[in-house]
């Protein structure tokens, strides 16, 4: 069904406004907090001529002690290198595994309505839905490719593809917002939920995804931060495929699909505890940002202020 050009224009303009305000409100505090928590000062030791003067009476003892200390430091250094390599290999397995699990979840959730729609005799998809599904599928595929490239040490290709990934993410946010507003206008929502109230769920998906990706791009030269932010950004989108899984559990609504999102987040937290004995600040603050958004959008969706705002977005 063709859409009124005025409605499309209104959706795009509202999407741009929402994303600009949301990006500033959500992204800037996160970037500041993350920078403060994760920034580290590097101490530099400067050589001074006085430090090179040795007492001849203790030269032999100092030399003997330095040899022992040198051997000890060499052993400790080699042990540290081995440990870091072990953790690095473990990281490759974990992040590749998470990317494949996410890809499987997306395919299972959208197989009946997108990937295998013709097999399930679903109604024809509008051009907007095809573009929307293609962009979000491309992101998941890119996530699998990027984790594989890092695991195989092809980081140069990984960085080049990352530029395209940033552009893709921006397109996803715009198209995802327009798709959410269009769906609400057409009356699409879970059974028993008013479309205008449900609109808060997909819009918040974009408001959470956008700053997480932006922070990931900002910290692209700090792998420990970057990879966790990109994983969190991808996990934040998993509520939609989880809600469409062919299981009776999906009838539980937000408790189920937000629960799937939180379990994926928990996987990263537990992995950090198992390999590093502590949780990385990205999972603490980024995970808190994601989790708090879940009940917030549900509570906000039922308020009169939101319903009036959503009505304005859909042109009612």
Protein backbone atom coordinates (compact mmCIF):
# COMPACT_ATOMS: atom_id res chain seq x y z
CA UNK A 1 0.00 0.00 0.00
CA UNK A 2 1.43 3.39 -1.00
CA UNK A 3 2.01 5.81 1.81
CA UNK A 4 1.06 9.45 1.83
CA UNK A 5 4.21 11.46 0.97
CA UNK A 6 3.33 13.84 3.77
CA UNK A 7 3.31 10.97 6.28
CA UNK A 8 6.68 9.74 5.04
CA UNK A 9 8.18 13.22 5.30
CA UNK A 10 6.75 13.64 8.78
CA UNK A 11 8.20 10.28 9.84
CA UNK A 12 11.65 11.10 8.54
CA UNK A 13 11.72 14.53 10.17
CA UNK A 14 10.47 13.17 13.49
CA UNK A 15 13.00 10.35 13.30
CA UNK A 16 15.81 12.81 12.76
CA UNK A 17 14.63 14.92 15.71
CA UNK A 18 14.31 11.90 18.02
CA UNK A 19 17.70 10.54 17.07
CA UNK A 20 19.45 13.87 17.46
CA UNK A 21 17.99 14.49 20.91
CA UNK A 22 18.39 10.87 21.97
CA UNK A 23 21.97 10.71 20.77
CA UNK A 24 22.90 13.85 22.72
CA UNK A 25 20.99 12.87 25.87
CA UNK A 26 22.07 9.23 25.96
CA UNK A 27 25.36 9.19 24.11
CA UNK A 28 27.20 12.14 25.67
CA UNK A 29 26.82 11.09 29.32
CA UNK A 30 27.82 7.54 28.42
CA UNK A 31 30.90 8.72 26.56
CA UNK A 32 31.91 10.97 29.47
CA UNK A 33 31.40 8.28 32.09
CA UNK A 34 33.17 5.66 30.01
CA UNK A 35 36.09 7.98 29.28
CA UNK A 36 36.43 8.85 32.97
CA UNK A 37 36.28 5.24 34.11
CA UNK A 38 38.42 3.73 31.39
CA UNK A 39 40.99 6.45 30.89
CA UNK A 40 44.37 5.61 32.33
CA UNK A 41 47.43 7.78 32.87
CA UNK A 42 50.75 6.30 31.77
CA UNK A 43 53.60 6.92 34.19
CA UNK A 44 56.94 7.72 32.53
CA UNK A 45 60.23 7.24 34.37
CA UNK A 46 62.93 9.69 33.32
CA UNK A 47 66.66 8.88 33.55
CA UNK A 48 68.83 11.10 35.67
CA UNK A 49 72.65 11.12 35.60
CA UNK A 50 72.80 10.71 39.39
CA UNK A 51 71.01 7.39 39.13
CA UNK A 52 73.91 5.93 37.12
CA UNK A 53 76.50 6.43 39.90
CA UNK A 54 77.15 3.14 41.67
CA UNK A 55 79.20 2.54 44.76
CA UNK A 56 82.14 0.29 43.87
CA UNK A 57 81.89 -1.51 47.20
CA UNK A 58 78.40 -2.82 46.36
CA UNK A 59 78.81 -3.26 42.61
CA UNK A 60 79.20 -7.03 42.79
CA UNK A 61 76.20 -7.51 45.05
CA UNK A 62 74.06 -5.24 42.91
CA UNK A 63 75.09 -7.06 39.76
CA UNK A 64 74.30 -10.43 41.31
CA UNK A 65 70.95 -9.14 42.53
CA UNK A 66 70.12 -7.61 39.18
CA UNK A 67 70.83 -10.94 37.47
CA UNK A 68 68.43 -12.72 39.82
CA UNK A 69 65.81 -10.01 39.43
CA UNK A 70 66.28 -10.07 35.67
CA UNK A 71 65.71 -13.81 35.52
CA UNK A 72 62.64 -13.48 37.74
CA UNK A 73 61.24 -10.68 35.60
CA UNK A 74 61.89 -12.69 32.43
CA UNK A 75 59.96 -15.65 33.81
CA UNK A 76 57.12 -13.41 34.98
CA UNK A 77 57.11 -11.63 31.63
CA UNK A 78 56.90 -14.86 29.65
CA UNK A 79 54.11 -16.11 31.92
CA UNK A 80 52.20 -12.87 31.36
CA UNK A 81 52.59 -13.18 27.59
CA UNK A 82 51.30 -16.75 27.67
CA UNK A 83 48.33 -15.71 29.83
CA UNK A 84 47.44 -12.81 27.55
CA UNK A 85 47.60 -15.06 24.51
CA UNK A 86 45.36 -17.60 26.24
CA UNK A 87 42.79 -14.91 27.05
CA UNK A 88 43.04 -13.54 23.51
CA UNK A 89 42.32 -16.94 22.01
CA UNK A 90 39.47 -17.43 24.45
CA UNK A 91 38.06 -14.01 23.44
CA UNK A 92 38.11 -15.02 19.77
CA UNK A 93 36.10 -18.15 20.54
CA UNK A 94 33.61 -16.30 22.74
CA UNK A 95 32.89 -13.39 20.40
CA UNK A 96 32.71 -15.60 17.31
CA UNK A 97 30.34 -17.89 19.20
CA UNK A 98 28.17 -14.96 20.31
CA UNK A 99 27.98 -13.62 16.76
CA UNK A 100 26.85 -17.02 15.45
CA UNK A 101 24.31 -17.39 18.26
CA UNK A 102 22.89 -13.95 17.46
CA UNK A 103 22.72 -14.81 13.74
CA UNK A 104 20.86 -18.03 14.56
CA UNK A 105 18.43 -16.14 16.81
CA UNK A 106 17.71 -13.55 14.10
CA UNK A 107 17.12 -16.22 11.44
CA UNK A 108 14.86 -18.26 13.72
CA UNK A 109 12.85 -15.20 14.73
CA UNK A 110 12.35 -13.71 11.29
CA UNK A 111 12.28 -16.86 9.17
CA UNK A 112 8.49 -16.95 8.88
CA UNK A 113 7.99 -13.24 8.26
CA UNK A 114 11.09 -12.34 6.24
CA UNK A 115 13.71 -14.92 5.22
CA UNK A 116 11.28 -17.74 4.38
CA UNK A 117 8.14 -15.62 4.02
CA UNK A 118 7.18 -17.14 0.67
CA UNK A 119 7.47 -20.65 2.11
CA UNK A 120 5.12 -19.75 4.96
CA UNK A 121 2.76 -17.96 2.53
CA UNK A 122 3.14 -14.65 4.35
CA UNK A 123 1.74 -11.52 2.81
CA UNK A 124 4.04 -9.66 0.39
CA UNK A 125 6.49 -7.32 2.06
CA UNK A 126 6.42 -3.60 1.35
CA UNK A 127 9.59 -2.01 -0.08
CA UNK A 128 10.22 -0.31 3.28
CA UNK A 129 10.09 -3.65 5.12
CA UNK A 130 12.44 -5.23 2.59
CA UNK A 131 14.95 -2.41 3.02
CA UNK A 132 14.57 -2.54 6.80
CA UNK A 133 15.09 -6.29 6.96
CA UNK A 134 18.02 -6.19 4.55
CA UNK A 135 19.85 -3.49 6.51
CA UNK A 136 19.46 -5.21 9.86
CA UNK A 137 20.41 -8.58 8.35
CA UNK A 138 23.51 -6.97 6.86
CA UNK A 139 24.49 -5.74 10.33
CA UNK A 140 24.27 -9.22 11.82
CA UNK A 141 26.22 -10.70 8.91
CA UNK A 142 28.84 -7.96 9.26
CA UNK A 143 29.12 -8.70 12.98
CA UNK A 144 29.87 -12.35 12.19
CA UNK A 145 32.44 -11.36 9.56
CA UNK A 146 34.12 -8.80 11.81
CA UNK A 147 34.55 -11.19 14.74
CA UNK A 148 35.93 -13.81 12.35
CA UNK A 149 38.41 -11.34 10.84
CA UNK A 150 39.73 -10.44 14.29
CA UNK A 151 40.00 -14.10 15.24
CA UNK A 152 42.07 -14.78 12.12
CA UNK A 153 44.21 -11.67 12.75
CA UNK A 154 43.03 -9.85 9.62
CA UNK A 155 42.60 -6.60 11.49
CA UNK A 156 43.41 -4.37 8.50
CA UNK A 157 40.35 -5.68 6.64
CA UNK A 158 38.37 -5.45 9.88
CA UNK A 159 39.16 -1.74 10.17
CA UNK A 160 38.25 -1.02 6.55
CA UNK A 161 34.93 -2.81 6.91
CA UNK A 162 34.33 -0.88 10.10
CA UNK A 163 33.94 2.33 8.11
CA UNK A 164 31.12 0.74 6.15
CA UNK A 165 29.69 -0.60 9.39
CA UNK A 166 29.42 2.90 10.83
CA UNK A 167 27.54 4.06 7.73
CA UNK A 168 25.32 0.99 7.88
CA UNK A 169 24.49 1.66 11.53
CA UNK A 170 23.44 5.24 10.72
CA UNK A 171 21.16 3.97 7.95
CA UNK A 172 19.69 1.37 10.30
CA UNK A 173 18.78 3.99 12.89
CA UNK A 174 16.98 6.18 10.35
CA UNK A 175 15.17 3.33 8.57
CA UNK A 176 14.42 1.58 11.87
CA UNK A 177 12.79 4.70 13.25
CA UNK A 178 10.72 5.25 10.10
CA UNK A 179 9.72 1.58 10.14
CA UNK A 180 8.57 1.81 13.77
CA UNK A 181 6.44 4.90 13.09
CA UNK A 182 4.99 3.35 9.91
CA UNK A 183 4.07 0.14 11.75
CA UNK A 184 2.31 2.12 14.47
CA UNK A 185 0.44 4.10 11.83
CA UNK A 186 -0.71 0.84 10.21
CA UNK A 187 -1.85 -0.53 13.59
CA UNK A 188 0.80 -3.25 14.01
CA UNK A 189 1.34 -4.25 17.64
CA UNK A 190 1.19 -7.38 19.83
CA UNK A 191 -2.34 -8.57 20.68
CA UNK A 192 -3.96 -6.40 23.32
CA UNK A 193 -1.36 -3.62 23.12
CA UNK A 194 -2.30 -0.24 21.60
CA UNK A 195 0.00 0.53 18.64
CA UNK A 196 0.83 3.99 19.95
CA UNK A 197 1.85 2.58 23.34
CA UNK A 198 3.94 -0.17 21.71
CA UNK A 199 5.75 2.39 19.57
CA UNK A 200 7.95 3.16 22.60
CA UNK A 201 9.56 -0.30 22.35
CA UNK A 202 11.10 -0.10 18.84
CA UNK A 203 11.93 3.60 19.17
CA UNK A 204 13.88 2.90 22.35
CA UNK A 205 15.68 0.11 20.49
CA UNK A 206 17.08 2.78 18.20
CA UNK A 207 17.80 5.18 21.05
CA UNK A 208 19.84 2.49 22.81
CA UNK A 209 21.54 1.10 19.69
CA UNK A 210 22.70 4.47 18.35
CA UNK A 211 24.82 5.69 21.32
CA UNK A 212 26.31 2.23 21.89
CA UNK A 213 27.50 2.06 18.29
CA UNK A 214 28.69 5.67 18.42
CA UNK A 215 30.72 4.91 21.54
CA UNK A 216 32.08 1.77 19.87
CA UNK A 217 33.27 3.81 16.90
CA UNK A 218 34.80 6.40 19.22
CA UNK A 219 36.77 3.70 21.07
CA UNK A 220 37.70 1.78 17.91
CA UNK A 221 41.41 1.96 18.80
CA UNK A 222 40.83 0.36 22.20
CA UNK A 223 39.84 -3.24 21.41
CA UNK A 224 38.76 -4.25 24.92
CA UNK A 225 36.22 -1.43 24.98
CA UNK A 226 35.29 -1.49 21.30
CA UNK A 227 34.35 -5.16 21.04
CA UNK A 228 32.15 -5.06 24.13
CA UNK A 229 30.30 -1.96 22.97
CA UNK A 230 29.64 -3.50 19.54
CA UNK A 231 28.41 -6.71 21.15
CA UNK A 232 26.12 -4.71 23.46
CA UNK A 233 24.78 -2.68 20.53
CA UNK A 234 23.93 -5.85 18.63
CA UNK A 235 22.40 -7.51 21.70
CA UNK A 236 20.16 -4.45 22.19
CA UNK A 237 18.39 -5.32 18.91
CA UNK A 238 17.62 -8.92 19.83
CA UNK A 239 14.25 -8.26 21.45
CA UNK A 240 12.52 -8.16 18.04
CA UNK A 241 13.65 -11.60 16.82
CA UNK A 242 13.16 -13.11 20.27
CA UNK A 243 9.52 -11.90 20.30
CA UNK A 244 8.93 -13.73 17.00
CA UNK A 245 10.42 -17.08 17.97
CA UNK A 246 8.02 -19.98 17.25
CA UNK A 247 7.62 -20.91 20.90
CA UNK A 248 4.82 -20.63 23.42
CA UNK A 249 7.19 -18.71 25.70
CA UNK A 250 6.95 -15.74 23.33
CA UNK A 251 3.40 -15.24 24.59
CA UNK A 252 4.91 -13.90 27.82
CA UNK A 253 5.68 -10.70 25.92
CA UNK A 254 8.31 -8.33 27.34
CA UNK A 255 9.25 -10.76 30.11
CA UNK A 256 10.39 -13.21 27.45
CA UNK A 257 12.02 -11.07 24.77
CA UNK A 258 13.70 -8.71 27.22
CA UNK A 259 14.74 -11.79 29.17
CA UNK A 260 16.51 -13.15 26.08
CA UNK A 261 18.33 -9.84 25.68
CA UNK A 262 19.39 -9.89 29.33
CA UNK A 263 20.61 -13.50 29.07
CA UNK A 264 22.84 -12.54 26.15
CA UNK A 265 24.18 -9.65 28.21
CA UNK A 266 24.70 -12.00 31.16
CA UNK A 267 26.79 -14.26 28.93
CA UNK A 268 29.29 -11.44 28.45
CA UNK A 269 29.36 -10.66 32.17
CA UNK A 270 29.94 -14.29 33.12
CA UNK A 271 32.63 -14.66 30.48
CA UNK A 272 34.51 -11.69 31.90
CA UNK A 273 34.26 -13.13 35.40
CA UNK A 274 35.53 -16.51 34.20
CA UNK A 275 38.50 -15.13 32.24
CA UNK A 276 39.40 -11.92 34.09
CA UNK A 277 37.78 -12.33 37.52
CA UNK A 278 36.09 -8.97 37.13
CA UNK A 279 33.40 -7.37 34.98
CA UNK A 280 34.54 -4.81 32.43
CA UNK A 281 33.08 -1.30 33.00
CA UNK A 282 31.48 -1.41 29.54
CA UNK A 283 29.24 -4.27 30.68
CA UNK A 284 28.51 -2.48 33.94
CA UNK A 285 27.50 0.91 32.54
CA UNK A 286 26.44 -0.16 29.06
CA UNK A 287 24.50 -3.09 30.47
CA UNK A 288 22.84 -0.85 33.04
CA UNK A 289 21.91 1.57 30.25
CA UNK A 290 20.31 -1.27 28.30
CA UNK A 291 18.49 -2.87 31.23
CA UNK A 292 17.09 0.40 32.61
CA UNK A 293 15.67 1.24 29.18
CA UNK A 294 13.49 -1.88 29.22
CA UNK A 295 11.03 -1.06 32.02
CA UNK A 296 11.35 2.63 31.20
CA UNK A 297 9.89 2.22 27.72
CA UNK A 298 7.07 0.05 29.05
CA UNK A 299 6.15 2.58 31.73
CA UNK A 300 6.47 5.52 29.37
CA UNK A 301 4.35 3.88 26.66
CA UNK A 302 1.22 4.02 28.79
CA UNK A 303 1.39 7.66 29.78
CA UNK A 304 -0.77 10.36 28.28
CA UNK A 305 2.27 12.43 27.35
CA UNK A 306 3.73 9.58 25.32
CA UNK A 307 0.43 8.73 23.63
CA UNK A 308 0.06 12.36 22.57
CA UNK A 309 3.65 12.43 21.30
CA UNK A 310 3.23 9.11 19.47
CA UNK A 311 0.01 10.37 17.92
CA UNK A 312 1.88 13.38 16.61
CA UNK A 313 4.55 11.08 15.11
CA UNK A 314 2.05 8.96 13.23
CA UNK A 315 0.03 12.00 12.13
CA UNK A 316 -3.12 11.51 14.17
